[in-house]
Amino acid sequence: MKRTRTLAALALVALLLAGCGRLAGRPEAGGAPPEADAVPSPSPVASVAPPAPSPPPSPAPTPPSPSPAPTGDPVAAGCERARPVPIPTTFIPYENRLGYPHKGPGPLISAKDRQLSSAAAIRSDGLKRYMPDPGPGLELTEIYERTDGSGARAFYLPLPAGISLPPTQNDLLRIGGVVVEQIPTMGYTASRLAEETRENLLPREPTFVLLHVGEHEAILNHGDEDAPGLRPVVLAWSDGTTDWRMEAGTGIVDSTVLVDMARSMYCD
């Protein structure tokens, strides 16, 4: 009897153990399922916006159209009122021009000159058309001709009238006078004179400009000092028969006066 009870108790224990095992593998009512081994979820792929399309290249700027070359009549241009020309500040002082043949110390009138006309005769016989009209504040005083016929010179002195010719050309320029020279043409043109002037300038900047006197090309040049404190301004041109040269003192007579005087011979 005791043995039977012992076997029954062991059977009950085995049954209970089996039930506990079934209960351990089944979720409780209303409970969450047992957690399984965690499998990492893949990280969401970050959304990358497609690159914005590159803007189209800007069109290259259109270069400005070149200005048309002037087509004006050179005669008309050579008859306009002269425009101011800046005076170059670069020049060779007198004391640095060693060995340069200066005309200043020589007499204004030499034995090779003979008086062609006086101021009074010029006013009466119309010979003023033989030379340029006087500029403002000037009077055509005398005209001298070379005795060998190789040229002539006219001297313009500042008003009031009655001033005597000074002894040298530099003296004449210092008081505001103007000298006009003419010789039979030697074949020089303004362009050729400009080229020769460039060759003699070495590294310096040009001191001349090209312009027209009537239909003729001319060169206007502010030169180096011919005497202490005196720089000539020269206007030169050729009409194919005669070579002309006008000279005044830089800063004493404005270059526009020379140009307008020269144009008076070709323009109405």
Protein backbone atom coordinates (compact mmCIF):
# COMPACT_ATOMS: atom_id res chain seq x y z
CA MET A 1 0.00 0.00 0.00
CA LYS A 2 2.80 2.38 0.86
CA ARG A 3 4.60 1.49 -2.39
CA THR A 4 1.49 2.31 -4.43
CA ARG A 5 1.23 5.76 -2.83
CA THR A 6 4.87 6.48 -3.58
CA LEU A 7 4.46 5.64 -7.26
CA ALA A 8 1.37 7.81 -7.50
CA ALA A 9 3.21 10.75 -5.99
CA LEU A 10 6.09 10.37 -8.46
CA ALA A 11 3.62 10.26 -11.37
CA LEU A 12 1.98 13.44 -10.15
CA VAL A 13 5.33 15.18 -9.92
CA ALA A 14 6.22 14.11 -13.48
CA LEU A 15 2.87 15.38 -14.75
CA LEU A 16 3.36 18.70 -13.07
CA LEU A 17 6.86 19.05 -14.50
CA ALA A 18 5.57 18.30 -17.99
CA GLY A 19 2.80 20.91 -17.62
CA CYS A 20 5.26 23.51 -16.47
CA GLY A 21 7.33 22.87 -19.57
CA ARG A 22 4.32 23.38 -21.81
CA LEU A 23 3.39 26.51 -19.93
CA ALA A 24 6.92 27.91 -20.29
CA GLY A 25 6.75 27.62 -24.11
CA ARG A 26 3.28 29.28 -24.46
CA PRO A 27 2.54 32.96 -23.96
CA GLU A 28 0.37 34.04 -21.15
CA ALA A 29 -3.09 35.15 -22.08
CA GLY A 30 -2.98 38.73 -23.23
CA GLY A 31 0.84 38.86 -22.90
CA ALA A 32 3.44 39.81 -25.42
CA PRO A 33 5.23 37.02 -27.27
CA PRO A 34 8.69 36.22 -26.07
CA GLU A 35 11.42 38.31 -27.53
CA ALA A 36 13.45 36.57 -30.17
CA ASP A 37 17.13 37.24 -30.78
CA ALA A 38 17.22 40.89 -31.98
CA VAL A 39 18.04 41.23 -35.64
CA PRO A 40 19.21 44.78 -36.37
CA SER A 41 16.88 46.54 -38.73
CA PRO A 42 18.58 48.01 -41.72
CA SER A 43 19.17 51.73 -41.36
CA PRO A 44 16.95 53.70 -43.67
CA VAL A 45 18.84 54.89 -46.69
CA ALA A 46 19.14 58.63 -46.55
CA SER A 47 17.42 60.13 -49.52
CA VAL A 48 19.93 62.15 -51.60
CA ALA A 49 18.49 64.81 -53.85
CA PRO A 50 19.79 64.63 -57.39
CA PRO A 51 22.28 67.43 -58.17
CA ALA A 52 20.70 70.53 -59.57
CA PRO A 53 21.46 70.99 -63.23
CA SER A 54 24.30 73.46 -63.92
CA PRO A 55 23.08 76.74 -65.34
CA PRO A 56 23.95 77.24 -68.98
CA PRO A 57 27.17 79.22 -69.48
CA SER A 58 26.69 82.92 -69.89
CA PRO A 59 27.26 84.03 -73.44
CA ALA A 60 30.54 85.85 -74.02
CA PRO A 61 30.07 89.61 -74.08
CA THR A 62 29.84 90.97 -77.54
CA PRO A 63 32.85 93.22 -78.20
CA PRO A 64 31.90 96.77 -79.06
CA SER A 65 31.88 97.56 -82.69
CA PRO A 66 34.92 99.58 -83.71
CA SER A 67 34.29 103.20 -84.28
CA PRO A 68 34.17 103.97 -87.95
CA ALA A 69 37.21 105.69 -89.31
CA PRO A 70 36.68 109.40 -89.80
CA THR A 71 35.65 110.16 -93.31
CA GLY A 72 35.61 113.92 -93.02
CA ASP A 73 37.16 116.15 -95.63
CA PRO A 74 40.74 116.95 -94.54
CA VAL A 75 40.35 120.41 -96.03
CA ALA A 76 37.36 121.03 -93.78
CA ALA A 77 39.25 119.66 -90.77
CA GLY A 78 42.21 121.85 -91.71
CA CYS A 79 40.02 124.95 -91.69
CA GLU A 80 38.44 124.53 -88.27
CA ARG A 81 39.38 126.69 -85.33
CA ALA A 82 42.44 125.20 -83.68
CA ARG A 83 41.99 123.13 -80.56
CA PRO A 84 44.29 123.49 -77.53
CA VAL A 85 47.24 121.10 -77.43
CA PRO A 86 48.66 120.17 -74.00
CA ILE A 87 52.25 121.32 -73.51
CA PRO A 88 54.51 118.31 -72.84
CA THR A 89 56.33 118.60 -69.55
CA THR A 90 59.27 116.44 -70.65
CA PHE A 91 62.07 118.32 -72.38
CA ILE A 92 65.85 118.78 -72.35
CA PRO A 93 66.98 121.87 -70.43
CA TYR A 94 69.27 124.27 -72.23
CA GLU A 95 72.30 123.44 -70.10
CA ASN A 96 72.02 119.75 -71.05
CA ARG A 97 72.04 120.37 -74.80
CA LEU A 98 75.79 120.32 -75.22
CA GLY A 99 77.03 120.84 -78.75
CA TYR A 100 73.58 121.74 -80.07
CA PRO A 101 73.74 124.54 -82.67
CA HIS A 102 71.70 127.32 -81.12
CA LYS A 103 70.41 130.05 -83.36
CA GLY A 104 69.67 132.39 -80.48
CA PRO A 105 72.95 134.32 -80.20
CA GLY A 106 72.97 135.15 -83.92
CA PRO A 107 71.43 138.41 -85.20
CA LEU A 108 67.79 138.37 -86.25
CA ILE A 109 68.62 140.13 -89.54
CA SER A 110 71.82 139.31 -91.41
CA ALA A 111 73.57 140.66 -94.47
CA LYS A 112 71.81 137.96 -96.52
CA ASP A 113 68.41 139.48 -95.77
CA ARG A 114 66.81 142.40 -97.53
CA GLN A 115 63.62 144.06 -96.47
CA LEU A 116 60.79 143.09 -98.74
CA SER A 117 58.05 145.05 -97.11
CA SER A 118 57.43 147.10 -94.02
CA ALA A 119 54.33 147.04 -91.88
CA ALA A 120 52.98 150.15 -93.58
CA ALA A 121 53.54 148.70 -97.06
CA ILE A 122 51.99 145.39 -96.04
CA ARG A 123 48.84 147.16 -94.93
CA SER A 124 48.63 149.11 -98.19
CA ASP A 125 49.69 146.68 -100.92
CA GLY A 126 48.02 143.51 -99.80
CA LEU A 127 51.23 141.57 -99.31
CA LYS A 128 49.77 140.22 -96.10
CA ARG A 129 48.33 137.36 -98.16
CA TYR A 130 51.91 136.40 -98.89
CA MET A 131 52.13 135.47 -95.22
CA PRO A 132 49.60 134.34 -92.60
CA ASP A 133 47.17 136.80 -91.09
CA PRO A 134 48.29 138.11 -87.69
CA GLY A 135 46.96 136.32 -84.66
CA PRO A 136 45.13 138.11 -81.82
CA GLY A 137 47.26 140.88 -80.37
CA LEU A 138 49.90 140.58 -83.13
CA GLU A 139 50.94 142.72 -86.07
CA LEU A 140 52.84 141.65 -89.17
CA THR A 141 55.72 144.08 -88.85
CA GLU A 142 58.30 143.26 -91.53
CA ILE A 143 59.05 140.73 -94.25
CA TYR A 144 62.63 139.97 -95.25
CA GLU A 145 63.74 137.99 -98.25
CA ARG A 146 67.02 136.18 -98.78
CA THR A 147 69.19 137.97 -101.29
CA ASP A 148 69.72 134.70 -103.18
CA GLY A 149 65.98 134.09 -103.40
CA SER A 150 66.19 131.00 -101.19
CA GLY A 151 63.38 132.03 -98.86
CA ALA A 152 61.75 134.73 -96.82
CA ARG A 153 60.87 135.46 -93.21
CA ALA A 154 58.09 137.48 -91.65
CA PHE A 155 58.14 138.90 -88.14
CA TYR A 156 55.01 139.42 -86.08
CA LEU A 157 55.30 141.59 -83.00
CA PRO A 158 52.82 142.10 -80.19
CA LEU A 159 50.67 145.20 -80.13
CA PRO A 160 50.75 148.08 -79.52
CA ALA A 161 52.38 148.87 -82.82
CA GLY A 162 55.72 150.57 -83.03
CA ILE A 163 57.87 148.00 -81.24
CA SER A 164 61.24 147.68 -82.93
CA LEU A 165 62.61 144.33 -83.98
CA PRO A 166 64.79 142.91 -81.19
CA PRO A 167 68.37 141.90 -81.96
CA THR A 168 67.91 138.10 -81.85
CA GLN A 169 65.15 135.63 -82.59
CA ASN A 170 65.13 134.42 -79.01
CA ASP A 171 64.56 137.99 -77.88
CA LEU A 172 61.65 138.25 -80.30
CA LEU A 173 60.10 135.03 -78.96
CA ARG A 174 60.51 136.17 -75.36
CA ILE A 175 58.40 139.28 -75.92
CA GLY A 176 55.60 137.28 -77.57
CA GLY A 177 56.57 137.58 -81.22
CA VAL A 178 56.12 135.02 -83.99
CA VAL A 179 58.51 134.17 -86.84
CA VAL A 180 57.27 132.69 -90.11
CA GLU A 181 59.78 131.24 -92.57
CA GLN A 182 59.27 129.91 -96.07
CA ILE A 183 61.74 128.22 -98.41
CA PRO A 184 61.41 126.34 -101.71
CA THR A 185 60.28 122.84 -100.86
CA MET A 186 62.91 120.25 -100.00
CA GLY A 187 60.50 117.36 -100.26
CA TYR A 188 59.87 117.05 -96.54
CA THR A 189 56.39 116.10 -95.41
CA ALA A 190 54.95 116.32 -91.93
CA SER A 191 54.97 112.52 -91.67
CA ARG A 192 58.66 112.42 -92.56
CA LEU A 193 59.43 115.13 -90.03
CA ALA A 194 57.45 113.22 -87.42
CA GLU A 195 59.42 110.04 -88.13
CA GLU A 196 62.75 111.85 -87.84
CA THR A 197 61.57 113.47 -84.63
CA ARG A 198 60.68 110.05 -83.19
CA GLU A 199 64.14 108.74 -84.07
CA ASN A 200 65.78 111.61 -82.19
CA LEU A 201 63.60 111.26 -79.10
CA LEU A 202 65.38 108.16 -77.79
CA PRO A 203 63.24 106.83 -74.91
CA ARG A 204 61.30 110.05 -74.38
CA GLU A 205 57.65 110.51 -75.16
CA PRO A 206 56.73 112.30 -78.40
CA THR A 207 56.27 116.04 -78.02
CA PHE A 208 54.46 116.60 -81.31
CA VAL A 209 51.04 116.16 -82.87
CA LEU A 210 49.97 115.88 -86.49
CA LEU A 211 47.15 118.05 -87.82
CA HIS A 212 46.03 119.75 -91.02
CA VAL A 213 46.60 123.23 -92.36
CA GLY A 214 44.04 123.45 -95.11
CA GLU A 215 44.55 120.26 -97.07
CA HIS A 216 48.18 119.93 -96.02
CA GLU A 217 49.42 117.74 -93.20
CA ALA A 218 51.38 119.66 -90.58
CA ILE A 219 53.39 118.87 -87.47
CA LEU A 220 53.20 120.88 -84.27
CA ASN A 221 56.09 120.36 -81.88
CA HIS A 222 57.00 121.76 -78.47
CA GLY A 223 60.78 121.59 -78.48
CA ASP A 224 63.59 121.56 -75.95
CA GLU A 225 65.02 124.74 -74.51
CA ASP A 226 66.87 126.92 -77.02
CA ALA A 227 67.85 129.27 -74.22
CA PRO A 228 67.41 129.20 -70.46
CA GLY A 229 63.67 129.23 -69.81
CA LEU A 230 62.73 129.43 -73.51
CA ARG A 231 61.18 126.48 -75.35
CA PRO A 232 60.05 127.01 -78.94
CA VAL A 233 56.75 125.75 -80.27
CA VAL A 234 57.05 125.07 -84.01
CA LEU A 235 54.40 124.46 -86.68
CA ALA A 236 55.75 123.12 -89.98
CA TRP A 237 54.15 121.93 -93.20
CA SER A 238 54.71 121.81 -96.96
CA ASP A 239 52.25 122.66 -99.71
CA GLY A 240 54.36 120.88 -102.33
CA THR A 241 55.96 124.09 -103.57
CA THR A 242 56.96 125.85 -100.38
CA ASP A 243 58.04 124.57 -96.99
CA TRP A 244 56.66 126.62 -94.11
CA ARG A 245 57.82 126.99 -90.55
CA MET A 246 56.26 129.08 -87.77
CA GLU A 247 57.84 129.54 -84.38
CA ALA A 248 56.83 131.14 -81.08
CA GLY A 249 57.72 130.76 -77.41
CA THR A 250 56.07 127.91 -75.51
CA GLY A 251 53.78 129.28 -72.83
CA ILE A 252 54.14 132.78 -74.28
CA VAL A 253 52.09 132.39 -77.47
CA ASP A 254 49.54 129.59 -77.47
CA SER A 255 49.93 126.96 -80.16
CA THR A 256 46.36 127.58 -81.30
CA VAL A 257 47.46 131.04 -82.47
CA LEU A 258 50.04 129.50 -84.83
CA VAL A 259 47.57 126.98 -86.23
CA ASP A 260 44.86 129.56 -86.84
CA MET A 261 47.38 131.92 -88.46
CA ALA A 262 48.59 129.18 -90.80
CA ARG A 263 45.05 128.16 -91.75
CA SER A 264 44.22 131.76 -92.64
CA MET A 265 46.24 131.32 -95.84
CA TYR A 266 44.12 128.42 -97.10
CA CYS A 267 40.70 128.96 -95.56
CA ASP A 268 38.13 131.69 -96.01
